[in-house]
């Protein structure tokens, strides 16, 4: 009986240690749309007008080195009214609806951002990306959140110095155990059941 309990315990441990599923956006994006003037600086800005990569790099899961210059190899914008009279935004349309329970965003450090999801009727908050005040591009992790289901995400800046940048947005599905782990768990509990039946039979024979 002790051996069957150990087997089931090991199965449960393996099941609980399965890694979270890979990011969804890289393989399931459909259209990435931006609104506003990106890659344009206000007159007299002290920053260099660095070229921008394709917006597809936002979901390629290839993070930039931490603390890299904010507008180097990132999607960046100047939200000064002389450049952007209205708030710029980026939307990521997916090829179907997917469930998420964690997000990671690499963006300029000293600004705050908002990642939203479309619930079919309105935009809802998925991840408030806070400022961290170090230098350059910095990755922030939402941690595990309540599961949401959507086919569209939107990214905007909500506060800071009006020089904004984002280099990566990644979304993760709720953890799904591997089929082999489920099989091991089921086998472990089946062994417990068999052991209990044998014990009952022995109790009847020698009681």
C-alpha atoms as a PDB file:
ATOM      1  CA  UNK A   1       0.000   0.000   0.000  1.00  0.00           C
ATOM      2  CA  UNK A   2       2.838   2.361   0.844  1.00  0.00           C
ATOM      3  CA  UNK A   3       4.353   1.837  -2.628  1.00  0.00           C
ATOM      4  CA  UNK A   4       1.100   2.749  -4.348  1.00  0.00           C
ATOM      5  CA  UNK A   5       0.824   5.934  -2.280  1.00  0.00           C
ATOM      6  CA  UNK A   6       4.380   6.869  -3.225  1.00  0.00           C
ATOM      7  CA  UNK A   7       3.623   6.266  -6.920  1.00  0.00           C
ATOM      8  CA  UNK A   8       0.555   8.489  -6.791  1.00  0.00           C
ATOM      9  CA  UNK A   9       2.470  11.166  -4.902  1.00  0.00           C
ATOM     10  CA  UNK A  10       5.211  11.175  -7.526  1.00  0.00           C
ATOM     11  CA  UNK A  11       2.627  11.435 -10.283  1.00  0.00           C
ATOM     12  CA  UNK A  12       1.014  14.421  -8.585  1.00  0.00           C
ATOM     13  CA  UNK A  13       4.398  16.090  -8.145  1.00  0.00           C
ATOM     14  CA  UNK A  14       5.295  15.647 -11.805  1.00  0.00           C
ATOM     15  CA  UNK A  15       1.887  16.963 -12.837  1.00  0.00           C
ATOM     16  CA  UNK A  16       2.251  20.088 -10.721  1.00  0.00           C
ATOM     17  CA  UNK A  17       5.710  20.800 -12.127  1.00  0.00           C
ATOM     18  CA  UNK A  18       4.707  20.883 -15.774  1.00  0.00           C
ATOM     19  CA  UNK A  19       5.855  24.142 -17.415  1.00  0.00           C
ATOM     20  CA  UNK A  20       3.356  26.777 -18.526  1.00  0.00           C
ATOM     21  CA  UNK A  21       2.403  26.625 -22.164  1.00  0.00           C
ATOM     22  CA  UNK A  22       4.352  28.700 -24.662  1.00  0.00           C
ATOM     23  CA  UNK A  23       3.320  32.178 -25.687  1.00  0.00           C
ATOM     24  CA  UNK A  24       0.287  32.400 -27.944  1.00  0.00           C
ATOM     25  CA  UNK A  25       0.809  35.624 -29.892  1.00  0.00           C
ATOM     26  CA  UNK A  26       3.815  34.550 -31.977  1.00  0.00           C
ATOM     27  CA  UNK A  27       1.984  31.712 -33.714  1.00  0.00           C
ATOM     28  CA  UNK A  28      -1.569  33.029 -33.678  1.00  0.00           C
ATOM     29  CA  UNK A  29      -1.483  36.712 -34.613  1.00  0.00           C
ATOM     30  CA  UNK A  30      -3.497  37.798 -37.620  1.00  0.00           C
ATOM     31  CA  UNK A  31      -3.091  41.574 -38.003  1.00  0.00           C
ATOM     32  CA  UNK A  32      -1.064  44.143 -36.046  1.00  0.00           C
ATOM     33  CA  UNK A  33      -2.357  47.693 -36.442  1.00  0.00           C
ATOM     34  CA  UNK A  34      -0.947  50.975 -35.147  1.00  0.00           C
ATOM     35  CA  UNK A  35      -2.625  54.370 -34.921  1.00  0.00           C
ATOM     36  CA  UNK A  36      -0.604  57.564 -34.641  1.00  0.00           C
ATOM     37  CA  UNK A  37       2.820  58.853 -35.624  1.00  0.00           C
ATOM     38  CA  UNK A  38       5.488  56.313 -34.670  1.00  0.00           C
ATOM     39  CA  UNK A  39       9.217  56.893 -35.062  1.00  0.00           C
ATOM     40  CA  UNK A  40       8.845  60.687 -35.204  1.00  0.00           C
ATOM     41  CA  UNK A  41      10.362  63.129 -32.688  1.00  0.00           C
ATOM     42  CA  UNK A  42       9.244  66.627 -31.732  1.00  0.00           C
ATOM     43  CA  UNK A  43      11.314  69.578 -32.950  1.00  0.00           C
ATOM     44  CA  UNK A  44      14.389  70.120 -30.794  1.00  0.00           C
ATOM     45  CA  UNK A  45      14.286  66.703 -29.119  1.00  0.00           C
ATOM     46  CA  UNK A  46      17.664  65.626 -27.718  1.00  0.00           C
ATOM     47  CA  UNK A  47      17.069  62.004 -28.761  1.00  0.00           C
ATOM     48  CA  UNK A  48      18.233  60.401 -32.007  1.00  0.00           C
ATOM     49  CA  UNK A  49      15.541  59.570 -34.537  1.00  0.00           C
ATOM     50  CA  UNK A  50      16.355  55.845 -34.667  1.00  0.00           C
ATOM     51  CA  UNK A  51      14.704  53.629 -37.298  1.00  0.00           C
ATOM     52  CA  UNK A  52      12.012  51.194 -36.192  1.00  0.00           C
ATOM     53  CA  UNK A  53      11.803  47.462 -36.866  1.00  0.00           C
ATOM     54  CA  UNK A  54       8.665  45.794 -38.189  1.00  0.00           C
ATOM     55  CA  UNK A  55       5.725  45.719 -35.761  1.00  0.00           C
ATOM     56  CA  UNK A  56       5.848  41.925 -36.064  1.00  0.00           C
ATOM     57  CA  UNK A  57       8.912  42.009 -33.796  1.00  0.00           C
ATOM     58  CA  UNK A  58       6.523  42.888 -30.952  1.00  0.00           C
ATOM     59  CA  UNK A  59       5.331  39.285 -30.793  1.00  0.00           C
ATOM     60  CA  UNK A  60       8.410  37.332 -31.918  1.00  0.00           C
ATOM     61  CA  UNK A  61       9.410  36.339 -28.331  1.00  0.00           C
ATOM     62  CA  UNK A  62      12.909  37.750 -28.978  1.00  0.00           C
ATOM     63  CA  UNK A  63      13.428  40.155 -26.086  1.00  0.00           C
ATOM     64  CA  UNK A  64      15.940  42.967 -26.362  1.00  0.00           C
ATOM     65  CA  UNK A  65      18.799  43.105 -23.821  1.00  0.00           C
ATOM     66  CA  UNK A  66      17.496  44.610 -20.583  1.00  0.00           C
ATOM     67  CA  UNK A  67      18.212  48.360 -20.263  1.00  0.00           C
ATOM     68  CA  UNK A  68      18.867  48.813 -23.970  1.00  0.00           C
ATOM     69  CA  UNK A  69      18.241  52.384 -25.194  1.00  0.00           C
ATOM     70  CA  UNK A  70      14.493  53.045 -25.194  1.00  0.00           C
ATOM     71  CA  UNK A  71      14.174  53.788 -28.924  1.00  0.00           C
ATOM     72  CA  UNK A  72      16.700  51.276 -30.211  1.00  0.00           C
ATOM     73  CA  UNK A  73      15.142  48.234 -31.921  1.00  0.00           C
ATOM     74  CA  UNK A  74      11.744  49.041 -30.423  1.00  0.00           C
ATOM     75  CA  UNK A  75       8.402  50.416 -31.565  1.00  0.00           C
ATOM     76  CA  UNK A  76       8.574  53.952 -30.173  1.00  0.00           C
ATOM     77  CA  UNK A  77       6.653  57.179 -30.314  1.00  0.00           C
ATOM     78  CA  UNK A  78       6.720  60.757 -29.057  1.00  0.00           C
ATOM     79  CA  UNK A  79       3.384  61.655 -27.481  1.00  0.00           C
ATOM     80  CA  UNK A  80       4.074  65.390 -27.465  1.00  0.00           C
ATOM     81  CA  UNK A  81       0.985  67.144 -28.938  1.00  0.00           C
ATOM     82  CA  UNK A  82       3.136  68.570 -31.727  1.00  0.00           C
ATOM     83  CA  UNK A  83       3.675  65.002 -32.956  1.00  0.00           C
ATOM     84  CA  UNK A  84       0.614  63.114 -31.736  1.00  0.00           C
ATOM     85  CA  UNK A  85      -2.477  65.181 -31.073  1.00  0.00           C
ATOM     86  CA  UNK A  86      -4.392  62.005 -30.199  1.00  0.00           C
ATOM     87  CA  UNK A  87      -3.220  59.028 -28.171  1.00  0.00           C
ATOM     88  CA  UNK A  88      -1.388  56.427 -30.277  1.00  0.00           C
ATOM     89  CA  UNK A  89      -2.260  52.761 -29.867  1.00  0.00           C
ATOM     90  CA  UNK A  90      -1.305  49.326 -31.141  1.00  0.00           C
ATOM     91  CA  UNK A  91      -3.765  46.466 -31.601  1.00  0.00           C
ATOM     92  CA  UNK A  92      -2.948  42.789 -32.071  1.00  0.00           C
ATOM     93  CA  UNK A  93      -5.710  40.782 -33.738  1.00  0.00           C
ATOM     94  CA  UNK A  94      -5.540  37.015 -33.300  1.00  0.00           C
ATOM     95  CA  UNK A  95      -6.665  34.301 -35.695  1.00  0.00           C
ATOM     96  CA  UNK A  96      -9.228  33.025 -33.137  1.00  0.00           C
ATOM     97  CA  UNK A  97     -10.196  33.516 -29.490  1.00  0.00           C
ATOM     98  CA  UNK A  98      -7.667  32.303 -26.909  1.00  0.00           C
ATOM     99  CA  UNK A  99      -7.493  32.151 -23.122  1.00  0.00           C
ATOM    100  CA  UNK A 100      -4.703  33.960 -21.247  1.00  0.00           C
ATOM    101  CA  UNK A 101      -3.677  34.113 -17.608  1.00  0.00           C
ATOM    102  CA  UNK A 102      -0.284  35.837 -17.806  1.00  0.00           C
ATOM    103  CA  UNK A 103       1.411  38.574 -19.837  1.00  0.00           C
ATOM    104  CA  UNK A 104       4.931  39.930 -20.224  1.00  0.00           C
ATOM    105  CA  UNK A 105       5.770  43.327 -21.688  1.00  0.00           C
ATOM    106  CA  UNK A 106       9.178  44.834 -22.428  1.00  0.00           C
ATOM    107  CA  UNK A 107       8.871  48.604 -22.631  1.00  0.00           C
ATOM    108  CA  UNK A 108      10.571  51.874 -21.703  1.00  0.00           C
ATOM    109  CA  UNK A 109      11.283  51.819 -17.985  1.00  0.00           C
ATOM    110  CA  UNK A 110      10.070  55.168 -16.643  1.00  0.00           C
ATOM    111  CA  UNK A 111       6.593  55.075 -18.162  1.00  0.00           C
ATOM    112  CA  UNK A 112       3.347  53.254 -17.454  1.00  0.00           C
ATOM    113  CA  UNK A 113       1.332  51.383 -20.046  1.00  0.00           C
ATOM    114  CA  UNK A 114      -1.960  49.560 -20.368  1.00  0.00           C
ATOM    115  CA  UNK A 115      -2.554  46.247 -22.113  1.00  0.00           C
ATOM    116  CA  UNK A 116      -6.263  45.676 -22.745  1.00  0.00           C
ATOM    117  CA  UNK A 117      -8.332  42.844 -24.185  1.00  0.00           C
ATOM    118  CA  UNK A 118     -11.561  42.969 -26.182  1.00  0.00           C
ATOM    119  CA  UNK A 119     -14.442  41.160 -24.473  1.00  0.00           C
ATOM    120  CA  UNK A 120     -16.736  41.331 -27.497  1.00  0.00           C
ATOM    121  CA  UNK A 121     -18.328  44.632 -26.495  1.00  0.00           C
ATOM    122  CA  UNK A 122     -15.662  46.838 -24.882  1.00  0.00           C
ATOM    123  CA  UNK A 123     -11.992  47.061 -23.947  1.00  0.00           C
ATOM    124  CA  UNK A 124     -11.104  45.657 -20.520  1.00  0.00           C
ATOM    125  CA  UNK A 125      -7.861  45.804 -18.530  1.00  0.00           C
ATOM    126  CA  UNK A 126      -5.561  42.812 -18.917  1.00  0.00           C
ATOM    127  CA  UNK A 127      -2.309  44.190 -17.455  1.00  0.00           C
ATOM    128  CA  UNK A 128      -1.402  47.561 -15.942  1.00  0.00           C
ATOM    129  CA  UNK A 129       2.280  47.877 -16.801  1.00  0.00           C
ATOM    130  CA  UNK A 130       3.879  50.068 -14.152  1.00  0.00           C
ATOM    131  CA  UNK A 131       6.958  52.266 -14.394  1.00  0.00           C
ATOM    132  CA  UNK A 132      10.136  50.842 -12.827  1.00  0.00           C
ATOM    133  CA  UNK A 133      12.637  53.724 -13.099  1.00  0.00           C
ATOM    134  CA  UNK A 134      15.889  52.034 -14.063  1.00  0.00           C
ATOM    135  CA  UNK A 135      17.000  52.652 -17.655  1.00  0.00           C
ATOM    136  CA  UNK A 136      15.808  51.864 -21.151  1.00  0.00           C
ATOM    137  CA  UNK A 137      13.823  48.790 -22.116  1.00  0.00           C
ATOM    138  CA  UNK A 138      12.741  46.730 -19.104  1.00  0.00           C
ATOM    139  CA  UNK A 139      10.582  43.586 -18.952  1.00  0.00           C
ATOM    140  CA  UNK A 140       7.549  43.514 -16.656  1.00  0.00           C
ATOM    141  CA  UNK A 141       5.601  40.351 -15.810  1.00  0.00           C
ATOM    142  CA  UNK A 142       1.930  40.366 -14.803  1.00  0.00           C
ATOM    143  CA  UNK A 143       2.258  37.094 -12.905  1.00  0.00           C
ATOM    144  CA  UNK A 144      -0.760  34.773 -12.923  1.00  0.00           C
ATOM    145  CA  UNK A 145      -4.023  36.673 -13.372  1.00  0.00           C
ATOM    146  CA  UNK A 146      -7.647  35.620 -13.686  1.00  0.00           C
ATOM    147  CA  UNK A 147      -8.138  33.820 -16.994  1.00  0.00           C
ATOM    148  CA  UNK A 148      -9.440  35.986 -19.824  1.00  0.00           C
ATOM    149  CA  UNK A 149     -10.561  34.966 -23.310  1.00  0.00           C
ATOM    150  CA  UNK A 150     -10.186  37.274 -26.280  1.00  0.00           C
ATOM    151  CA  UNK A 151      -9.297  37.595 -29.945  1.00  0.00           C
ATOM    152  CA  UNK A 152      -7.757  41.066 -29.722  1.00  0.00           C
ATOM    153  CA  UNK A 153      -5.339  43.065 -27.539  1.00  0.00           C
ATOM    154  CA  UNK A 154      -4.630  46.802 -27.399  1.00  0.00           C
ATOM    155  CA  UNK A 155      -1.522  48.573 -26.058  1.00  0.00           C
ATOM    156  CA  UNK A 156      -1.319  52.241 -25.028  1.00  0.00           C
ATOM    157  CA  UNK A 157       0.829  54.504 -22.860  1.00  0.00           C
ATOM    158  CA  UNK A 158      -0.821  55.942 -19.745  1.00  0.00           C
ATOM    159  CA  UNK A 159       1.837  58.118 -18.123  1.00  0.00           C
ATOM    160  CA  UNK A 160       5.450  59.202 -18.155  1.00  0.00           C
ATOM    161  CA  UNK A 161       7.696  61.562 -20.078  1.00  0.00           C
ATOM    162  CA  UNK A 162       5.854  61.319 -23.428  1.00  0.00           C
ATOM    163  CA  UNK A 163       8.735  59.330 -24.926  1.00  0.00           C
ATOM    164  CA  UNK A 164       7.298  55.819 -25.120  1.00  0.00           C
ATOM    165  CA  UNK A 165       8.522  52.491 -26.465  1.00  0.00           C
ATOM    166  CA  UNK A 166       7.613  48.810 -26.476  1.00  0.00           C
ATOM    167  CA  UNK A 167       9.758  45.979 -27.808  1.00  0.00           C
ATOM    168  CA  UNK A 168       7.874  42.817 -26.805  1.00  0.00           C
ATOM    169  CA  UNK A 169       4.360  41.740 -25.818  1.00  0.00           C
ATOM    170  CA  UNK A 170       3.839  38.115 -24.861  1.00  0.00           C
ATOM    171  CA  UNK A 171       0.706  36.341 -23.640  1.00  0.00           C
ATOM    172  CA  UNK A 172       0.484  32.895 -22.049  1.00  0.00           C
ATOM    173  CA  UNK A 173      -2.359  30.374 -21.874  1.00  0.00           C
ATOM    174  CA  UNK A 174      -3.316  28.684 -18.602  1.00  0.00           C
ATOM    175  CA  UNK A 175      -1.041  25.745 -17.822  1.00  0.00           C
ATOM    176  CA  UNK A 176      -2.110  22.491 -19.472  1.00  0.00           C
ATOM    177  CA  UNK A 177      -0.413  19.280 -18.214  1.00  0.00           C
ATOM    178  CA  UNK A 178       1.153  16.952 -20.754  1.00  0.00           C
ATOM    179  CA  UNK A 179      -0.950  13.857 -21.631  1.00  0.00           C
ATOM    180  CA  UNK A 180       1.783  11.613 -20.207  1.00  0.00           C
ATOM    181  CA  UNK A 181       1.476  13.340 -16.842  1.00  0.00           C
ATOM    182  CA  UNK A 182      -2.270  12.760 -16.754  1.00  0.00           C
ATOM    183  CA  UNK A 183      -1.671   9.100 -17.605  1.00  0.00           C
ATOM    184  CA  UNK A 184       0.846   8.785 -14.775  1.00  0.00           C
ATOM    185  CA  UNK A 185      -1.545  10.429 -12.320  1.00  0.00           C
ATOM    186  CA  UNK A 186      -4.406   8.129 -13.335  1.00  0.00           C
ATOM    187  CA  UNK A 187      -2.151   5.076 -13.070  1.00  0.00           C
ATOM    188  CA  UNK A 188      -1.060   6.136  -9.587  1.00  0.00           C
ATOM    189  CA  UNK A 189      -4.606   6.500  -8.306  1.00  0.00           C
ATOM    190  CA  UNK A 190      -5.589   3.230  -9.983  1.00  0.00           C
ATOM    191  CA  UNK A 191      -2.787   1.565  -8.026  1.00  0.00           C
ATOM    192  CA  UNK A 192      -4.138   3.064  -4.803  1.00  0.00           C
ATOM    193  CA  UNK A 193      -7.588   1.699  -5.617  1.00  0.00           C
ATOM    194  CA  UNK A 194      -6.184  -1.755  -6.311  1.00  0.00           C
ATOM    195  CA  UNK A 195      -4.228  -1.674  -3.061  1.00  0.00           C
ATOM    196  CA  UNK A 196      -7.306  -0.729  -1.068  1.00  0.00           C
ATOM    197  CA  UNK A 197      -9.271  -3.584  -2.643  1.00  0.00           C
ATOM    198  CA  UNK A 198      -6.531  -6.075  -1.741  1.00  0.00           C
ATOM    199  CA  UNK A 199      -6.498  -4.826   1.835  1.00  0.00           C
ATOM    200  CA  UNK A 200     -10.252  -5.286   2.113  1.00  0.00           C
ATOM    201  CA  UNK A 201      -9.966  -8.819   0.726  1.00  0.00           C
ATOM    202  CA  UNK A 202      -7.249  -9.666   3.248  1.00  0.00           C
ATOM    203  CA  UNK A 203      -9.370  -8.286   6.066  1.00  0.00           C
ATOM    204  CA  UNK A 204     -12.232 -10.583   5.044  1.00  0.00           C
ATOM    205  CA  UNK A 205      -9.963 -13.644   4.745  1.00  0.00           C
ATOM    206  CA  UNK A 206      -8.200 -13.275   8.083  1.00  0.00           C
ATOM    207  CA  UNK A 207     -10.566 -11.172  10.175  1.00  0.00           C
END
